[in-house]
Structure formats: structure tokens, C-alpha cells
């Protein structure tokens, strides 16, 4: 039921659909639109806000371990810039999840082991509600991945990811979310670890 509701909300967002269709045109390996733009669209619908309220960017993940250079990733970034309209071009952020481990520790001060796939990268997100990705299939079906389920997302509850240590930026991340969506609740306690996920 929650998956169907999520599909309805994504299809009802003109901007999300524009980005999804652009991503379909690029057809990157294992691509998904993930995290912020997804959970924020849901929270806007739940609280009666405009669909695009508070959405800063649109994270487009893909996975290609054949070439881990930034130059290879940048080819796709530039491809998107050529086809994206002016009003959303700068908001679409493309990241090859096969190379995140090369820069994550330096940028965020936390260790990061290599990902095995795009979907595996969702297991690394700091909050369970953030771990949601979607992809528009060739038959226009919206494929959804949510390794922790969708309950926390629709409850507007930020719970730390039990598969990783509590992020050192947890307070800052949750404060930013609450500033835009004060209806959200924050679980400050780190839950007991779940069984090891496949690929971890």
C-alpha cells in the first residue's frame, strides 16, 4: 500500500517526472533517483506544502566500476547539462556509486567501503527514511527500492540507520530537516543493529 502511495506522489510531481524522464534518456547503468527529492516530495504531500518545497537538488545515482575516474563520471554530468532545461540543470547531481569510496572520507570525515551496486549504496544513508530510490522502467512502471521499508518515510520519522555507526553529522542533518519540516520527529537513539545485509 505504501509503495502504491509513493508511486502516486512521484507521478503527481511534475519536476520529479521531468528529472526521471531526463534520467531515462541518459540510461546510465543501475541508475536511480534517490533520497532527498523523494522523501521531501512525500513530506510535502503529507503536510500540504507545494511539491517542490524545500528540495535543494535531485540526486541521480548510477554504478559503473569499469572506469572510476572523475573524468568518466563528468562525461555523464555534461551529458545531463546538455539536455536538462535551465531551471533544473544545476539541481541535478550525478554520482557514480562505484567511486564514492575514493572521496567520501576526505569530504565527510567517515570511512566508506566500496559499494557493490547502486542499491547497495542506499544501505549507507544516515537515516532509514532517506534510503529510498526510484527508477522509471521502460514500460513507465516506477521501480522502487527501500531496504528499510517505507514506514519511517510516511511517518515523517528520522531514525538512524542501524547498519552503520551514527553519523557525526546527525544533529546537523536532522536540524536542517526539522527547519523545513517541523512536523518531522527525530529518534535520537541508535536502534539495535539489524542482521547483516547481503553485500555488506
N, C-alpha and C. Protein backbone atom coordinates (compact mmCIF):
# COMPACT_ATOMS: atom_id res chain seq x y z
N UNK A 1 0.82 -1.19 0.00
CA UNK A 1 0.00 0.00 0.00
C UNK A 1 0.87 1.26 0.00
N UNK A 2 1.93 1.27 0.82
CA UNK A 2 2.80 2.45 0.87
C UNK A 2 3.56 2.62 -0.44
N UNK A 3 3.94 1.52 -1.08
CA UNK A 3 4.61 1.63 -2.38
C UNK A 3 3.68 2.27 -3.41
N UNK A 4 2.43 1.88 -3.41
CA UNK A 4 1.49 2.46 -4.36
C UNK A 4 1.27 3.94 -4.07
N UNK A 5 1.22 4.29 -2.80
CA UNK A 5 1.08 5.70 -2.44
C UNK A 5 2.30 6.49 -2.89
N UNK A 6 3.48 5.91 -2.72
CA UNK A 6 4.69 6.59 -3.17
C UNK A 6 4.67 6.79 -4.68
N UNK A 7 4.25 5.78 -5.41
CA UNK A 7 4.15 5.92 -6.87
C UNK A 7 3.21 7.07 -7.24
N UNK A 8 2.08 7.15 -6.56
CA UNK A 8 1.12 8.21 -6.84
C UNK A 8 1.75 9.59 -6.63
N UNK A 9 2.51 9.74 -5.53
CA UNK A 9 3.08 11.04 -5.22
C UNK A 9 4.21 11.42 -6.18
N UNK A 10 4.99 10.43 -6.59
CA UNK A 10 6.05 10.70 -7.55
C UNK A 10 5.45 11.09 -8.90
N UNK A 11 4.47 10.33 -9.36
CA UNK A 11 3.84 10.64 -10.65
C UNK A 11 3.12 11.98 -10.62
N UNK A 12 2.71 12.42 -9.43
CA UNK A 12 1.99 13.69 -9.30
C UNK A 12 2.92 14.90 -9.25
N UNK A 13 4.22 14.66 -9.15
CA UNK A 13 5.19 15.76 -9.08
C UNK A 13 5.74 16.06 -10.47
N UNK A 14 5.38 17.18 -11.07
CA UNK A 14 5.88 17.49 -12.41
C UNK A 14 7.40 17.54 -12.49
N UNK A 15 8.04 18.10 -11.46
CA UNK A 15 9.50 18.22 -11.52
C UNK A 15 10.17 16.86 -11.39
N UNK A 16 9.71 16.02 -10.48
CA UNK A 16 10.28 14.68 -10.37
C UNK A 16 10.13 13.92 -11.68
N UNK A 17 9.00 14.04 -12.31
CA UNK A 17 8.80 13.32 -13.56
C UNK A 17 9.70 13.86 -14.67
N UNK A 18 9.95 15.16 -14.67
CA UNK A 18 10.88 15.72 -15.65
C UNK A 18 12.28 15.13 -15.44
N UNK A 19 12.72 15.08 -14.19
CA UNK A 19 14.05 14.55 -13.90
C UNK A 19 14.12 13.06 -14.22
N UNK A 20 13.08 12.32 -13.87
CA UNK A 20 13.06 10.89 -14.16
C UNK A 20 13.12 10.64 -15.67
N UNK A 21 12.43 11.43 -16.44
CA UNK A 21 12.46 11.25 -17.89
C UNK A 21 13.82 11.64 -18.47
N UNK A 22 14.44 12.66 -17.91
CA UNK A 22 15.81 13.00 -18.33
C UNK A 22 16.77 11.87 -18.01
N UNK A 23 16.63 11.30 -16.81
CA UNK A 23 17.49 10.18 -16.41
C UNK A 23 17.28 8.98 -17.32
N UNK A 24 16.04 8.75 -17.72
CA UNK A 24 15.75 7.65 -18.64
C UNK A 24 16.46 7.86 -19.97
N UNK A 25 16.55 9.09 -20.41
CA UNK A 25 17.23 9.39 -21.67
C UNK A 25 18.73 9.10 -21.58
N UNK A 26 19.33 9.39 -20.41
CA UNK A 26 20.76 9.09 -20.24
C UNK A 26 20.99 7.59 -20.16
N UNK A 27 20.04 6.87 -19.53
CA UNK A 27 20.10 5.41 -19.43
C UNK A 27 21.43 4.92 -18.85
N UNK A 28 21.81 5.49 -17.71
CA UNK A 28 23.04 5.09 -17.03
C UNK A 28 22.86 3.72 -16.37
N UNK A 29 23.94 2.94 -16.21
CA UNK A 29 23.81 1.62 -15.59
C UNK A 29 23.35 1.71 -14.14
N UNK A 30 22.32 0.94 -13.80
CA UNK A 30 21.77 0.84 -12.45
C UNK A 30 21.30 2.19 -11.90
N UNK A 31 20.83 3.08 -12.73
CA UNK A 31 20.51 4.42 -12.25
C UNK A 31 19.28 4.43 -11.36
N UNK A 32 19.29 5.33 -10.40
CA UNK A 32 18.14 5.61 -9.55
C UNK A 32 18.17 7.07 -9.10
N UNK A 33 16.99 7.64 -8.98
CA UNK A 33 16.82 8.93 -8.32
C UNK A 33 16.58 8.62 -6.85
N UNK A 34 17.33 9.27 -5.96
CA UNK A 34 17.34 8.81 -4.57
C UNK A 34 17.17 9.93 -3.55
N UNK A 35 16.86 9.51 -2.35
CA UNK A 35 16.94 10.28 -1.11
C UNK A 35 16.13 11.55 -1.07
N UNK A 36 16.81 12.70 -0.95
CA UNK A 36 16.16 13.96 -0.62
C UNK A 36 14.94 14.30 -1.44
N UNK A 37 15.08 14.28 -2.74
CA UNK A 37 13.95 14.69 -3.57
C UNK A 37 12.78 13.73 -3.45
N UNK A 38 13.04 12.49 -3.02
CA UNK A 38 11.97 11.51 -2.86
C UNK A 38 11.27 11.72 -1.52
N UNK A 39 12.03 11.66 -0.42
CA UNK A 39 11.36 11.78 0.88
C UNK A 39 10.77 13.19 1.06
N UNK A 40 11.40 14.19 0.49
CA UNK A 40 10.89 15.55 0.65
C UNK A 40 9.59 15.75 -0.14
N UNK A 41 9.47 15.11 -1.29
CA UNK A 41 8.22 15.15 -2.04
C UNK A 41 7.09 14.53 -1.23
N UNK A 42 7.38 13.40 -0.59
CA UNK A 42 6.37 12.74 0.26
C UNK A 42 5.99 13.64 1.43
N UNK A 43 6.98 14.20 2.10
CA UNK A 43 6.69 15.05 3.26
C UNK A 43 5.90 16.29 2.86
N UNK A 44 6.17 16.82 1.69
CA UNK A 44 5.39 17.97 1.22
C UNK A 44 3.93 17.60 1.01
N UNK A 45 3.70 16.42 0.44
CA UNK A 45 2.33 15.97 0.24
C UNK A 45 1.62 15.73 1.57
N UNK A 46 2.34 15.15 2.53
CA UNK A 46 1.74 14.84 3.82
C UNK A 46 1.40 16.10 4.62
N UNK A 47 2.14 17.18 4.37
CA UNK A 47 1.94 18.42 5.14
C UNK A 47 1.25 19.52 4.35
N UNK A 48 0.83 19.22 3.14
CA UNK A 48 0.10 20.21 2.35
C UNK A 48 0.94 21.31 1.77
N UNK A 49 2.24 21.07 1.60
CA UNK A 49 3.12 22.08 1.02
C UNK A 49 3.23 21.86 -0.50
N UNK A 50 3.71 22.87 -1.23
CA UNK A 50 3.94 22.68 -2.66
C UNK A 50 4.90 21.53 -2.91
N UNK A 51 4.74 20.85 -4.03
CA UNK A 51 5.51 19.63 -4.31
C UNK A 51 7.01 19.85 -4.28
N UNK A 52 7.48 21.03 -4.70
CA UNK A 52 8.93 21.29 -4.78
C UNK A 52 9.49 22.01 -3.55
N UNK A 53 8.65 22.26 -2.56
CA UNK A 53 9.12 23.00 -1.38
C UNK A 53 10.32 22.29 -0.74
N UNK A 54 11.36 23.07 -0.42
CA UNK A 54 12.49 22.57 0.34
C UNK A 54 13.43 21.64 -0.38
N UNK A 55 13.16 21.33 -1.63
CA UNK A 55 14.02 20.40 -2.37
C UNK A 55 15.19 21.17 -2.97
N UNK A 56 16.39 20.86 -2.51
CA UNK A 56 17.57 21.60 -2.95
C UNK A 56 18.20 21.01 -4.20
N UNK A 57 18.11 19.68 -4.34
CA UNK A 57 18.72 19.05 -5.50
C UNK A 57 18.08 17.70 -5.78
N UNK A 58 18.48 17.11 -6.88
CA UNK A 58 17.95 15.82 -7.34
C UNK A 58 19.15 14.89 -7.54
N UNK A 59 19.33 13.96 -6.62
CA UNK A 59 20.49 13.07 -6.65
C UNK A 59 20.24 11.89 -7.57
N UNK A 60 21.03 11.79 -8.62
CA UNK A 60 20.92 10.71 -9.58
C UNK A 60 22.14 9.80 -9.42
N UNK A 61 21.92 8.61 -8.90
CA UNK A 61 22.98 7.64 -8.69
C UNK A 61 23.04 6.67 -9.88
N UNK A 62 24.24 6.20 -10.16
CA UNK A 62 24.41 5.09 -11.09
C UNK A 62 25.64 4.31 -10.64
N UNK A 63 25.92 3.17 -11.28
CA UNK A 63 27.05 2.35 -10.87
C UNK A 63 27.78 1.84 -12.09
N UNK A 64 29.06 2.23 -12.19
CA UNK A 64 29.90 1.77 -13.29
C UNK A 64 31.33 1.64 -12.77
N UNK A 65 31.76 0.40 -12.54
CA UNK A 65 33.10 0.19 -11.99
C UNK A 65 34.15 -0.07 -13.06
N UNK A 66 33.80 0.15 -14.32
CA UNK A 66 34.77 -0.04 -15.40
C UNK A 66 35.80 1.08 -15.44
N UNK A 67 35.39 2.27 -15.01
CA UNK A 67 36.29 3.43 -15.00
C UNK A 67 35.92 4.29 -13.79
N UNK A 68 36.79 4.35 -12.79
CA UNK A 68 36.50 5.06 -11.55
C UNK A 68 37.00 6.50 -11.55
N UNK A 69 37.40 7.00 -12.68
CA UNK A 69 37.91 8.37 -12.74
C UNK A 69 36.77 9.38 -12.69
N UNK A 70 37.09 10.57 -12.19
CA UNK A 70 36.10 11.65 -12.23
C UNK A 70 35.81 12.04 -13.67
N UNK A 71 36.81 11.92 -14.54
CA UNK A 71 36.62 12.29 -15.93
C UNK A 71 35.51 11.47 -16.58
N UNK A 72 35.44 10.19 -16.25
CA UNK A 72 34.39 9.34 -16.79
C UNK A 72 33.03 9.74 -16.23
N UNK A 73 32.98 10.03 -14.94
CA UNK A 73 31.73 10.50 -14.33
C UNK A 73 31.30 11.82 -14.93
N UNK A 74 32.25 12.69 -15.17
CA UNK A 74 31.94 14.03 -15.68
C UNK A 74 31.36 13.99 -17.09
N UNK A 75 31.67 12.97 -17.85
CA UNK A 75 31.06 12.83 -19.17
C UNK A 75 29.54 12.80 -19.04
N UNK A 76 29.04 12.07 -18.06
CA UNK A 76 27.60 11.95 -17.86
C UNK A 76 27.02 13.23 -17.25
N UNK A 77 27.79 13.87 -16.39
CA UNK A 77 27.36 15.16 -15.84
C UNK A 77 27.15 16.16 -16.97
N UNK A 78 28.09 16.19 -17.90
CA UNK A 78 27.98 17.13 -19.02
C UNK A 78 26.86 16.73 -19.98
N UNK A 79 26.64 15.44 -20.16
CA UNK A 79 25.52 14.98 -20.99
C UNK A 79 24.20 15.50 -20.42
N UNK A 80 24.05 15.39 -19.10
CA UNK A 80 22.82 15.87 -18.47
C UNK A 80 22.67 17.38 -18.63
N UNK A 81 23.76 18.10 -18.50
CA UNK A 81 23.70 19.56 -18.65
C UNK A 81 23.23 19.96 -20.04
N UNK A 82 23.56 19.14 -21.03
CA UNK A 82 23.17 19.47 -22.41
C UNK A 82 21.67 19.25 -22.66
N UNK A 83 21.06 18.33 -21.92
CA UNK A 83 19.65 18.03 -22.22
C UNK A 83 18.68 18.58 -21.17
N UNK A 84 19.19 18.98 -19.99
CA UNK A 84 18.30 19.46 -18.93
C UNK A 84 17.90 20.92 -19.16
N UNK A 85 16.66 21.28 -18.90
CA UNK A 85 16.21 22.67 -19.02
C UNK A 85 16.95 23.57 -18.01
N UNK A 86 16.98 24.84 -18.32
CA UNK A 86 17.72 25.79 -17.49
C UNK A 86 17.30 25.79 -16.03
N UNK A 87 16.00 25.64 -15.76
CA UNK A 87 15.51 25.81 -14.40
C UNK A 87 15.88 24.67 -13.47
N UNK A 88 16.26 23.50 -14.00
CA UNK A 88 16.64 22.39 -13.12
C UNK A 88 18.05 21.86 -13.39
N UNK A 89 18.72 22.40 -14.39
CA UNK A 89 20.03 21.87 -14.79
C UNK A 89 21.01 21.82 -13.62
N UNK A 90 21.11 22.90 -12.85
CA UNK A 90 22.11 22.97 -11.77
C UNK A 90 21.71 22.16 -10.55
N UNK A 91 20.46 21.69 -10.51
CA UNK A 91 19.98 20.95 -9.34
C UNK A 91 20.14 19.43 -9.46
N UNK A 92 20.46 18.95 -10.65
CA UNK A 92 20.61 17.51 -10.85
C UNK A 92 22.06 17.12 -10.60
N UNK A 93 22.29 16.29 -9.60
CA UNK A 93 23.64 15.89 -9.22
C UNK A 93 23.84 14.41 -9.52
N UNK A 94 24.73 14.12 -10.43
CA UNK A 94 25.00 12.75 -10.86
C UNK A 94 26.25 12.24 -10.16
N UNK A 95 26.15 11.04 -9.56
CA UNK A 95 27.29 10.46 -8.84
C UNK A 95 27.40 8.96 -9.14
N UNK A 96 28.58 8.56 -9.57
CA UNK A 96 28.87 7.15 -9.78
C UNK A 96 29.15 6.50 -8.43
N UNK A 97 28.29 5.59 -8.00
CA UNK A 97 28.44 4.98 -6.69
C UNK A 97 29.60 4.00 -6.60
N UNK A 98 30.18 3.65 -7.73
CA UNK A 98 31.36 2.78 -7.73
C UNK A 98 32.61 3.52 -7.27
N UNK A 99 32.57 4.86 -7.25
CA UNK A 99 33.77 5.61 -6.89
C UNK A 99 33.60 6.48 -5.63
N UNK A 100 32.49 6.35 -4.92
CA UNK A 100 32.25 7.18 -3.74
C UNK A 100 33.34 6.98 -2.68
N UNK A 101 33.82 5.74 -2.54
CA UNK A 101 34.83 5.46 -1.51
C UNK A 101 36.14 6.22 -1.75
N UNK A 102 36.32 6.74 -2.95
CA UNK A 102 37.55 7.46 -3.26
C UNK A 102 37.58 8.87 -2.66
N UNK A 103 36.38 9.44 -2.36
CA UNK A 103 36.35 10.82 -1.87
C UNK A 103 35.53 11.02 -0.60
N UNK A 104 34.76 10.04 -0.19
CA UNK A 104 33.83 10.24 0.91
C UNK A 104 34.53 10.58 2.23
N UNK A 105 35.57 9.83 2.57
CA UNK A 105 36.24 10.04 3.86
C UNK A 105 36.83 11.44 3.95
N UNK A 106 37.42 11.91 2.89
CA UNK A 106 38.02 13.25 2.91
C UNK A 106 36.96 14.33 3.04
N UNK A 107 35.82 14.12 2.41
CA UNK A 107 34.76 15.13 2.43
C UNK A 107 33.95 15.11 3.72
N UNK A 108 33.64 13.91 4.24
CA UNK A 108 32.74 13.81 5.37
C UNK A 108 33.39 13.31 6.66
N UNK A 109 34.67 12.94 6.59
CA UNK A 109 35.38 12.53 7.80
C UNK A 109 34.97 11.19 8.35
N UNK A 110 34.39 10.32 7.51
CA UNK A 110 33.97 8.99 7.93
C UNK A 110 34.48 7.96 6.93
N UNK A 111 34.84 6.76 7.41
CA UNK A 111 35.30 5.72 6.47
C UNK A 111 34.15 5.27 5.57
N UNK A 112 34.49 4.77 4.41
CA UNK A 112 33.46 4.35 3.46
C UNK A 112 34.04 3.23 2.59
N UNK A 113 33.51 2.03 2.76
CA UNK A 113 33.95 0.90 1.95
C UNK A 113 33.30 0.97 0.57
N UNK A 114 33.93 0.37 -0.44
CA UNK A 114 33.36 0.42 -1.80
C UNK A 114 31.95 -0.17 -1.85
N UNK A 115 31.11 0.44 -2.65
CA UNK A 115 29.77 -0.09 -2.89
C UNK A 115 29.82 -1.24 -3.88
N UNK A 116 28.84 -2.13 -3.77
CA UNK A 116 28.73 -3.25 -4.70
C UNK A 116 27.75 -2.95 -5.83
N UNK A 117 26.90 -1.94 -5.63
CA UNK A 117 25.89 -1.59 -6.62
C UNK A 117 25.25 -0.27 -6.21
N UNK A 118 24.40 0.27 -7.05
CA UNK A 118 23.65 1.46 -6.68
C UNK A 118 22.73 1.17 -5.50
N UNK A 119 22.02 0.05 -5.55
CA UNK A 119 21.09 -0.28 -4.47
C UNK A 119 21.83 -0.52 -3.16
N UNK A 120 23.03 -1.06 -3.23
CA UNK A 120 23.84 -1.25 -2.03
C UNK A 120 24.17 0.08 -1.37
N UNK A 121 24.33 1.12 -2.17
CA UNK A 121 24.66 2.44 -1.62
C UNK A 121 23.55 2.97 -0.72
N UNK A 122 22.30 2.56 -0.98
CA UNK A 122 21.19 3.03 -0.15
C UNK A 122 21.31 2.52 1.28
N UNK A 123 22.02 1.43 1.50
CA UNK A 123 22.22 0.89 2.85
C UNK A 123 23.16 1.76 3.67
N UNK A 124 23.79 2.75 3.05
CA UNK A 124 24.76 3.60 3.73
C UNK A 124 24.16 4.92 4.20
N UNK A 125 22.92 5.22 3.82
CA UNK A 125 22.34 6.51 4.16
C UNK A 125 22.18 6.64 5.67
N UNK A 126 22.26 7.86 6.17
CA UNK A 126 22.30 8.07 7.62
C UNK A 126 20.98 7.77 8.31
N UNK A 127 19.85 7.92 7.62
CA UNK A 127 18.53 7.68 8.21
C UNK A 127 17.75 6.71 7.34
N UNK A 128 16.93 5.89 7.97
CA UNK A 128 16.17 4.89 7.22
C UNK A 128 15.18 5.53 6.25
N UNK A 129 14.61 6.66 6.62
CA UNK A 129 13.64 7.34 5.75
C UNK A 129 14.30 7.88 4.48
N UNK A 130 15.61 8.10 4.54
CA UNK A 130 16.32 8.61 3.37
C UNK A 130 16.64 7.52 2.35
N UNK A 131 16.63 6.27 2.80
CA UNK A 131 17.07 5.15 1.97
C UNK A 131 15.96 4.69 1.02
N UNK A 132 15.66 5.53 0.07
CA UNK A 132 14.62 5.24 -0.92
C UNK A 132 15.14 5.67 -2.29
N UNK A 133 14.98 4.80 -3.26
CA UNK A 133 15.38 5.13 -4.62
C UNK A 133 14.32 4.68 -5.60
N UNK A 134 14.19 5.40 -6.70
CA UNK A 134 13.20 5.05 -7.73
C UNK A 134 13.84 5.12 -9.11
N UNK A 135 13.25 4.35 -10.00
CA UNK A 135 13.72 4.35 -11.39
C UNK A 135 12.50 4.15 -12.28
N UNK A 136 12.44 4.89 -13.36
CA UNK A 136 11.36 4.76 -14.32
C UNK A 136 11.74 3.68 -15.32
N UNK A 137 10.99 2.58 -15.29
CA UNK A 137 11.28 1.47 -16.20
C UNK A 137 10.81 1.80 -17.61
N UNK A 138 11.22 0.98 -18.56
CA UNK A 138 10.89 1.24 -19.96
C UNK A 138 9.38 1.18 -20.22
N UNK A 139 8.66 0.42 -19.38
CA UNK A 139 7.20 0.35 -19.54
C UNK A 139 6.48 1.42 -18.73
N UNK A 140 7.26 2.43 -18.23
CA UNK A 140 6.73 3.55 -17.45
C UNK A 140 6.34 3.14 -16.03
N UNK A 141 6.66 1.91 -15.65
CA UNK A 141 6.43 1.48 -14.26
C UNK A 141 7.50 2.10 -13.38
N UNK A 142 7.13 2.54 -12.18
CA UNK A 142 8.09 3.12 -11.25
C UNK A 142 8.63 2.02 -10.35
N UNK A 143 9.90 1.70 -10.55
CA UNK A 143 10.57 0.68 -9.74
C UNK A 143 11.10 1.33 -8.47
N UNK A 144 10.77 0.75 -7.31
CA UNK A 144 11.11 1.34 -6.01
C UNK A 144 12.02 0.41 -5.24
N UNK A 145 13.05 0.97 -4.62
CA UNK A 145 13.89 0.23 -3.68
C UNK A 145 13.89 0.98 -2.36
N UNK A 146 13.58 0.25 -1.28
CA UNK A 146 13.54 0.85 0.06
C UNK A 146 13.97 -0.24 1.05
N UNK A 147 15.28 -0.41 1.26
CA UNK A 147 15.76 -1.54 2.06
C UNK A 147 15.28 -1.56 3.50
N UNK A 148 14.86 -0.42 4.04
CA UNK A 148 14.35 -0.37 5.41
C UNK A 148 12.83 -0.21 5.45
N UNK A 149 12.20 -0.33 4.29
CA UNK A 149 10.76 -0.15 4.22
C UNK A 149 10.40 1.33 4.08
N UNK A 150 9.11 1.60 4.03
CA UNK A 150 8.62 2.96 3.82
C UNK A 150 7.87 3.52 5.02
N UNK A 151 7.81 2.75 6.11
CA UNK A 151 7.04 3.20 7.27
C UNK A 151 7.59 4.49 7.86
N UNK A 152 8.91 4.56 8.06
CA UNK A 152 9.52 5.76 8.65
C UNK A 152 9.33 6.97 7.73
N UNK A 153 9.42 6.74 6.43
CA UNK A 153 9.22 7.82 5.47
C UNK A 153 7.84 8.44 5.62
N UNK A 154 6.81 7.60 5.63
CA UNK A 154 5.45 8.13 5.70
C UNK A 154 5.06 8.56 7.11
N UNK A 155 5.81 8.13 8.11
CA UNK A 155 5.58 8.61 9.48
C UNK A 155 6.34 9.90 9.75
N UNK A 156 7.14 10.35 8.77
CA UNK A 156 8.00 11.53 8.93
C UNK A 156 8.88 11.38 10.17
N UNK A 157 9.47 10.21 10.27
CA UNK A 157 10.31 9.90 11.43
C UNK A 157 11.74 9.62 10.96
N UNK A 158 12.69 10.36 11.53
CA UNK A 158 14.10 10.16 11.20
C UNK A 158 14.74 9.26 12.26
N UNK A 159 15.04 8.05 11.83
CA UNK A 159 15.67 7.06 12.69
C UNK A 159 17.04 6.74 12.12
N UNK A 160 18.09 6.70 12.95
CA UNK A 160 19.42 6.38 12.42
C UNK A 160 19.45 5.01 11.76
N UNK A 161 20.25 4.91 10.72
CA UNK A 161 20.46 3.66 10.01
C UNK A 161 21.13 2.66 10.94
N UNK A 162 20.50 1.50 11.22
CA UNK A 162 21.09 0.53 12.15
C UNK A 162 22.26 -0.25 11.58
N UNK A 163 22.52 -0.11 10.29
CA UNK A 163 23.61 -0.85 9.65
C UNK A 163 24.92 -0.08 9.62
N UNK A 164 24.92 1.13 10.20
CA UNK A 164 26.15 1.92 10.20
C UNK A 164 26.23 2.71 11.50
N UNK A 165 27.42 3.15 11.88
CA UNK A 165 27.53 4.00 13.08
C UNK A 165 26.74 5.29 12.90
N UNK A 166 26.31 5.85 13.99
CA UNK A 166 25.59 7.12 13.93
C UNK A 166 26.47 8.17 13.27
N UNK A 167 25.93 8.85 12.27
CA UNK A 167 26.70 9.85 11.55
C UNK A 167 27.16 10.96 12.49
N UNK A 168 28.39 11.40 12.34
CA UNK A 168 28.91 12.51 13.14
C UNK A 168 28.17 13.80 12.82
N UNK A 169 27.44 13.79 11.68
CA UNK A 169 26.68 14.97 11.26
C UNK A 169 25.18 14.83 11.55
N UNK A 170 24.81 13.84 12.39
CA UNK A 170 23.40 13.55 12.64
C UNK A 170 22.63 14.77 13.12
N UNK A 171 23.17 15.48 14.09
CA UNK A 171 22.48 16.65 14.65
C UNK A 171 22.27 17.72 13.58
N UNK A 172 23.28 17.96 12.78
CA UNK A 172 23.17 18.97 11.72
C UNK A 172 22.16 18.55 10.65
N UNK A 173 22.20 17.28 10.27
CA UNK A 173 21.30 16.77 9.24
C UNK A 173 19.85 16.85 9.69
N UNK A 174 19.59 16.41 10.91
CA UNK A 174 18.21 16.40 11.39
C UNK A 174 17.71 17.82 11.70
N UNK A 175 18.60 18.69 12.13
CA UNK A 175 18.22 20.08 12.38
C UNK A 175 17.79 20.75 11.07
N UNK A 176 18.50 20.45 9.99
CA UNK A 176 18.15 21.01 8.69
C UNK A 176 16.78 20.51 8.24
N UNK A 177 16.52 19.23 8.44
CA UNK A 177 15.22 18.67 8.06
C UNK A 177 14.09 19.29 8.88
N UNK A 178 14.29 19.41 10.18
CA UNK A 178 13.24 19.96 11.04
C UNK A 178 12.99 21.44 10.76
N UNK A 179 14.01 22.15 10.29
CA UNK A 179 13.84 23.56 9.97
C UNK A 179 12.86 23.73 8.81
N UNK A 180 12.85 22.77 7.89
CA UNK A 180 11.94 22.85 6.74
C UNK A 180 10.63 22.11 6.99
N UNK A 181 10.70 21.03 7.76
CA UNK A 181 9.50 20.24 8.06
C UNK A 181 9.42 20.01 9.56
N UNK A 182 8.95 20.99 10.30
CA UNK A 182 8.89 20.88 11.76
C UNK A 182 7.98 19.75 12.24
N UNK A 183 7.16 19.21 11.36
CA UNK A 183 6.31 18.08 11.72
C UNK A 183 7.10 16.78 11.90
N UNK A 184 8.32 16.74 11.37
CA UNK A 184 9.13 15.53 11.46
C UNK A 184 9.54 15.25 12.90
N UNK A 185 9.66 13.99 13.24
CA UNK A 185 10.14 13.59 14.56
C UNK A 185 11.52 12.96 14.41
N UNK A 186 12.34 13.12 15.44
CA UNK A 186 13.71 12.65 15.41
C UNK A 186 13.91 11.58 16.48
N UNK A 187 14.39 10.44 16.08
CA UNK A 187 14.75 9.39 17.02
C UNK A 187 16.24 9.52 17.32
N UNK A 188 16.55 10.02 18.49
CA UNK A 188 17.95 10.28 18.82
C UNK A 188 18.70 9.02 19.21
N UNK A 189 17.97 7.94 19.47
CA UNK A 189 18.60 6.70 19.89
C UNK A 189 18.97 5.86 18.67
N UNK A 190 20.16 5.30 18.71
CA UNK A 190 20.55 4.40 17.63
C UNK A 190 19.92 3.05 17.90
N UNK A 191 19.10 2.54 16.96
CA UNK A 191 18.41 1.27 17.19
C UNK A 191 19.37 0.10 17.19
N UNK A 192 18.95 -1.06 17.72
CA UNK A 192 19.80 -2.25 17.66
C UNK A 192 20.12 -2.60 16.21
N UNK A 193 21.27 -3.14 15.98
CA UNK A 193 21.68 -3.47 14.62
C UNK A 193 20.78 -4.54 14.04
N UNK A 194 20.48 -4.38 12.75
CA UNK A 194 19.76 -5.40 12.02
C UNK A 194 20.76 -6.47 11.58
N UNK A 195 20.28 -7.64 11.16
CA UNK A 195 21.20 -8.63 10.61
C UNK A 195 21.96 -8.05 9.42
N UNK A 196 23.14 -8.55 9.19
CA UNK A 196 23.97 -8.06 8.11
C UNK A 196 23.21 -8.13 6.79
N UNK A 197 23.21 -7.03 6.05
CA UNK A 197 22.57 -7.02 4.74
C UNK A 197 23.46 -7.72 3.73
N UNK A 198 22.83 -8.33 2.76
CA UNK A 198 23.59 -9.00 1.70
C UNK A 198 24.49 -8.00 1.01
N UNK A 199 25.76 -8.36 0.88
CA UNK A 199 26.70 -7.48 0.22
C UNK A 199 27.48 -6.60 1.18
N UNK A 200 27.07 -6.58 2.45
CA UNK A 200 27.80 -5.76 3.41
C UNK A 200 29.07 -6.47 3.86
